[in-house]
Amino acid sequence: MKPPSHDDTRERPFTNPIEIENRVTELLVHANQRQLWLMFLDDEQVQLPLLIPVDSLPGELTEDDARAFALAIGDTARDLDAASVLIVLEELHDGELTDRDRTWARLLHATCDAQSTVVRGILLCHKRGVRWMPQDDYRW
């Protein structure tokens, strides 16, 4: 089945993590390779018509790498007049959070915060589907 187009969803705000997880699942289904996806939301929490894949990721994320990603994410959000960003980590594993997943989420969220870029949520796309990553699982 083909996922809904942006035109089909442009009036649909994402008001909770379940709606966001469902939308990411519609778009990505499950992991195919290791990469990062960026989705942007407007001030009404409606998805903007841009989905950015980022591949060729370093194995381990350093703070310098995270700051560079956060700068690019923030610049793109401002160019789009986006209110927030959704970050999706695509990893080829079974969906149990790994230390690497937690490190990526923690550093990306913290460096985006430092750049005043609002992270609406971080999700994990894995071999079996998509899952929301609650901040309690990675921030502290």
C-alpha atoms as a PDB file:
ATOM      1  CA  MET A   1       0.000   0.000   0.000  1.00  0.00           C
ATOM      2  CA  LYS A   2       1.239   3.481  -0.912  1.00  0.00           C
ATOM      3  CA  PRO A   3       1.684   5.871   2.036  1.00  0.00           C
ATOM      4  CA  PRO A   4      -0.540   8.946   2.145  1.00  0.00           C
ATOM      5  CA  SER A   5       0.916  11.902   0.281  1.00  0.00           C
ATOM      6  CA  HIS A   6       1.654  15.217   1.930  1.00  0.00           C
ATOM      7  CA  ASP A   7      -1.537  16.582   0.350  1.00  0.00           C
ATOM      8  CA  ASP A   8      -3.501  13.814   2.104  1.00  0.00           C
ATOM      9  CA  THR A   9      -2.034  14.697   5.498  1.00  0.00           C
ATOM     10  CA  ARG A  10      -1.375  18.425   5.314  1.00  0.00           C
ATOM     11  CA  GLU A  11      -4.346  19.310   7.487  1.00  0.00           C
ATOM     12  CA  ARG A  12      -3.613  16.579  10.043  1.00  0.00           C
ATOM     13  CA  PRO A  13      -1.680  17.818  13.080  1.00  0.00           C
ATOM     14  CA  PHE A  14       0.352  15.327  15.086  1.00  0.00           C
ATOM     15  CA  THR A  15      -0.856  15.880  18.618  1.00  0.00           C
ATOM     16  CA  ASN A  16       0.715  12.874  20.344  1.00  0.00           C
ATOM     17  CA  PRO A  17       3.526  10.323  19.980  1.00  0.00           C
ATOM     18  CA  ILE A  18       1.187   7.601  18.655  1.00  0.00           C
ATOM     19  CA  GLU A  19       0.116   9.774  15.702  1.00  0.00           C
ATOM     20  CA  ILE A  20       3.734  10.634  14.971  1.00  0.00           C
ATOM     21  CA  GLU A  21       4.818   6.992  15.196  1.00  0.00           C
ATOM     22  CA  ASN A  22       1.991   5.989  12.837  1.00  0.00           C
ATOM     23  CA  ARG A  23       2.986   8.644  10.283  1.00  0.00           C
ATOM     24  CA  VAL A  24       6.649   7.621  10.354  1.00  0.00           C
ATOM     25  CA  THR A  25       5.574   3.995   9.961  1.00  0.00           C
ATOM     26  CA  GLU A  26       3.476   4.966   6.911  1.00  0.00           C
ATOM     27  CA  LEU A  27       6.514   6.624   5.362  1.00  0.00           C
ATOM     28  CA  LEU A  28       9.389   4.334   6.304  1.00  0.00           C
ATOM     29  CA  VAL A  29       7.739   0.980   7.274  1.00  0.00           C
ATOM     30  CA  HIS A  30      10.987  -0.597   8.573  1.00  0.00           C
ATOM     31  CA  ALA A  31      14.755  -0.155   8.368  1.00  0.00           C
ATOM     32  CA  ASN A  32      16.543  -0.812   5.081  1.00  0.00           C
ATOM     33  CA  GLN A  33      19.902   0.761   5.891  1.00  0.00           C
ATOM     34  CA  ARG A  34      21.575   2.781   8.603  1.00  0.00           C
ATOM     35  CA  GLN A  35      20.661   6.444   8.225  1.00  0.00           C
ATOM     36  CA  LEU A  36      18.959   9.437   9.782  1.00  0.00           C
ATOM     37  CA  TRP A  37      15.673  11.017   8.659  1.00  0.00           C
ATOM     38  CA  LEU A  38      14.485  14.556   9.370  1.00  0.00           C
ATOM     39  CA  MET A  39      10.839  15.616   9.272  1.00  0.00           C
ATOM     40  CA  PHE A  40       9.702  19.152  10.003  1.00  0.00           C
ATOM     41  CA  LEU A  41       6.473  20.367  11.575  1.00  0.00           C
ATOM     42  CA  ASP A  42       4.837  23.789  11.444  1.00  0.00           C
ATOM     43  CA  ASP A  43       3.521  25.694  14.447  1.00  0.00           C
ATOM     44  CA  GLU A  44       0.273  23.690  14.309  1.00  0.00           C
ATOM     45  CA  GLN A  45       2.256  20.400  14.381  1.00  0.00           C
ATOM     46  CA  VAL A  46       1.413  19.607  10.747  1.00  0.00           C
ATOM     47  CA  GLN A  47       4.152  17.911   8.703  1.00  0.00           C
ATOM     48  CA  LEU A  48       5.865  20.143   6.156  1.00  0.00           C
ATOM     49  CA  PRO A  49       6.429  18.663   2.656  1.00  0.00           C
ATOM     50  CA  LEU A  50      10.098  17.767   3.127  1.00  0.00           C
ATOM     51  CA  LEU A  51      11.584  14.491   4.339  1.00  0.00           C
ATOM     52  CA  ILE A  52      15.383  14.498   4.431  1.00  0.00           C
ATOM     53  CA  PRO A  53      17.436  11.279   4.525  1.00  0.00           C
ATOM     54  CA  VAL A  54      21.019  11.512   5.785  1.00  0.00           C
ATOM     55  CA  ASP A  55      23.247   8.524   5.096  1.00  0.00           C
ATOM     56  CA  SER A  56      26.981   7.845   5.480  1.00  0.00           C
ATOM     57  CA  LEU A  57      26.704   8.320   9.236  1.00  0.00           C
ATOM     58  CA  PRO A  58      29.713   7.903  11.499  1.00  0.00           C
ATOM     59  CA  GLY A  59      29.652   4.757  13.635  1.00  0.00           C
ATOM     60  CA  GLU A  60      30.029   6.728  16.831  1.00  0.00           C
ATOM     61  CA  LEU A  61      28.629  10.230  17.163  1.00  0.00           C
ATOM     62  CA  THR A  62      30.975  12.798  18.688  1.00  0.00           C
ATOM     63  CA  GLU A  63      29.861  16.081  20.230  1.00  0.00           C
ATOM     64  CA  ASP A  64      31.462  17.907  17.282  1.00  0.00           C
ATOM     65  CA  ASP A  65      29.490  15.756  14.819  1.00  0.00           C
ATOM     66  CA  ALA A  66      26.302  16.345  16.805  1.00  0.00           C
ATOM     67  CA  ARG A  67      26.864  20.121  16.791  1.00  0.00           C
ATOM     68  CA  ALA A  68      27.375  20.056  13.002  1.00  0.00           C
ATOM     69  CA  PHE A  69      24.156  18.049  12.550  1.00  0.00           C
ATOM     70  CA  ALA A  70      22.291  20.414  14.899  1.00  0.00           C
ATOM     71  CA  LEU A  71      23.482  23.470  12.958  1.00  0.00           C
ATOM     72  CA  ALA A  72      22.285  21.951   9.674  1.00  0.00           C
ATOM     73  CA  ILE A  73      18.970  20.876  11.216  1.00  0.00           C
ATOM     74  CA  GLY A  74      18.435  24.329  12.716  1.00  0.00           C
ATOM     75  CA  ASP A  75      19.306  26.118   9.472  1.00  0.00           C
ATOM     76  CA  THR A  76      16.881  23.904   7.540  1.00  0.00           C
ATOM     77  CA  ALA A  77      14.130  24.424  10.125  1.00  0.00           C
ATOM     78  CA  ARG A  78      14.560  28.197   9.910  1.00  0.00           C
ATOM     79  CA  ASP A  79      14.592  28.112   6.086  1.00  0.00           C
ATOM     80  CA  LEU A  80      11.313  26.175   6.162  1.00  0.00           C
ATOM     81  CA  ASP A  81       9.835  28.303   8.947  1.00  0.00           C
ATOM     82  CA  ALA A  82       9.369  25.027  10.854  1.00  0.00           C
ATOM     83  CA  ALA A  83       8.404  25.116  14.514  1.00  0.00           C
ATOM     84  CA  SER A  84       9.966  21.746  15.332  1.00  0.00           C
ATOM     85  CA  VAL A  85      11.762  18.721  13.948  1.00  0.00           C
ATOM     86  CA  LEU A  86      11.264  14.978  14.197  1.00  0.00           C
ATOM     87  CA  ILE A  87      14.451  12.927  14.087  1.00  0.00           C
ATOM     88  CA  VAL A  88      14.281   9.294  13.009  1.00  0.00           C
ATOM     89  CA  LEU A  89      17.257   7.002  13.560  1.00  0.00           C
ATOM     90  CA  GLU A  90      17.135   4.130  11.075  1.00  0.00           C
ATOM     91  CA  GLU A  91      19.113   1.175  12.407  1.00  0.00           C
ATOM     92  CA  LEU A  92      19.363  -2.425  11.231  1.00  0.00           C
ATOM     93  CA  HIS A  93      18.502  -4.181  14.480  1.00  0.00           C
ATOM     94  CA  ASP A  94      15.444  -5.641  16.217  1.00  0.00           C
ATOM     95  CA  GLY A  95      14.223  -2.449  17.907  1.00  0.00           C
ATOM     96  CA  GLU A  96      15.689  -2.831  21.392  1.00  0.00           C
ATOM     97  CA  LEU A  97      17.441   0.449  22.193  1.00  0.00           C
ATOM     98  CA  THR A  98      21.204   0.139  22.059  1.00  0.00           C
ATOM     99  CA  ASP A  99      23.797   2.321  23.756  1.00  0.00           C
ATOM    100  CA  ARG A 100      24.564   3.798  20.326  1.00  0.00           C
ATOM    101  CA  ASP A 101      20.865   4.668  19.783  1.00  0.00           C
ATOM    102  CA  ARG A 102      20.735   6.379  23.176  1.00  0.00           C
ATOM    103  CA  THR A 103      23.974   8.289  22.542  1.00  0.00           C
ATOM    104  CA  TRP A 104      22.786   9.523  19.147  1.00  0.00           C
ATOM    105  CA  ALA A 105      19.413  10.583  20.541  1.00  0.00           C
ATOM    106  CA  ARG A 106      20.907  12.269  23.621  1.00  0.00           C
ATOM    107  CA  LEU A 107      23.582  14.204  21.700  1.00  0.00           C
ATOM    108  CA  LEU A 108      21.296  15.249  18.843  1.00  0.00           C
ATOM    109  CA  HIS A 109      18.568  16.390  21.214  1.00  0.00           C
ATOM    110  CA  ALA A 110      20.997  18.311  23.439  1.00  0.00           C
ATOM    111  CA  THR A 111      22.802  20.027  20.567  1.00  0.00           C
ATOM    112  CA  CYS A 112      19.514  20.950  18.875  1.00  0.00           C
ATOM    113  CA  ASP A 113      18.338  22.410  22.200  1.00  0.00           C
ATOM    114  CA  ALA A 114      21.566  24.424  22.385  1.00  0.00           C
ATOM    115  CA  GLN A 115      20.809  25.812  18.902  1.00  0.00           C
ATOM    116  CA  SER A 116      17.219  26.672  19.950  1.00  0.00           C
ATOM    117  CA  THR A 117      15.842  24.061  17.551  1.00  0.00           C
ATOM    118  CA  VAL A 118      12.803  22.353  19.037  1.00  0.00           C
ATOM    119  CA  VAL A 119      12.939  18.562  18.799  1.00  0.00           C
ATOM    120  CA  ARG A 120       9.329  17.342  18.790  1.00  0.00           C
ATOM    121  CA  GLY A 121      10.497  13.763  19.123  1.00  0.00           C
ATOM    122  CA  ILE A 122      13.028  11.109  18.246  1.00  0.00           C
ATOM    123  CA  LEU A 123      11.992   7.777  16.808  1.00  0.00           C
ATOM    124  CA  LEU A 124      13.784   4.554  15.968  1.00  0.00           C
ATOM    125  CA  CYS A 125      13.074   2.821  12.665  1.00  0.00           C
ATOM    126  CA  HIS A 126      14.313  -0.770  12.968  1.00  0.00           C
ATOM    127  CA  LYS A 127      13.997  -4.086  11.109  1.00  0.00           C
ATOM    128  CA  ARG A 128      10.525  -4.791  12.541  1.00  0.00           C
ATOM    129  CA  GLY A 129       8.978  -1.308  12.408  1.00  0.00           C
ATOM    130  CA  VAL A 130       9.088   2.073  14.114  1.00  0.00           C
ATOM    131  CA  ARG A 131       9.059   3.042  17.785  1.00  0.00           C
ATOM    132  CA  TRP A 132       8.854   6.294  19.679  1.00  0.00           C
ATOM    133  CA  MET A 133      11.862   6.994  21.923  1.00  0.00           C
ATOM    134  CA  PRO A 134      10.639   8.603  25.163  1.00  0.00           C
ATOM    135  CA  GLN A 135      13.119  11.155  26.499  1.00  0.00           C
ATOM    136  CA  ASP A 136      13.443   9.154  29.721  1.00  0.00           C
ATOM    137  CA  ASP A 137      15.091   6.422  27.611  1.00  0.00           C
ATOM    138  CA  TYR A 138      17.971   8.610  26.438  1.00  0.00           C
ATOM    139  CA  ARG A 139      18.250  12.052  28.031  1.00  0.00           C
ATOM    140  CA  TRP A 140      19.385  11.207  31.540  1.00  0.00           C
END
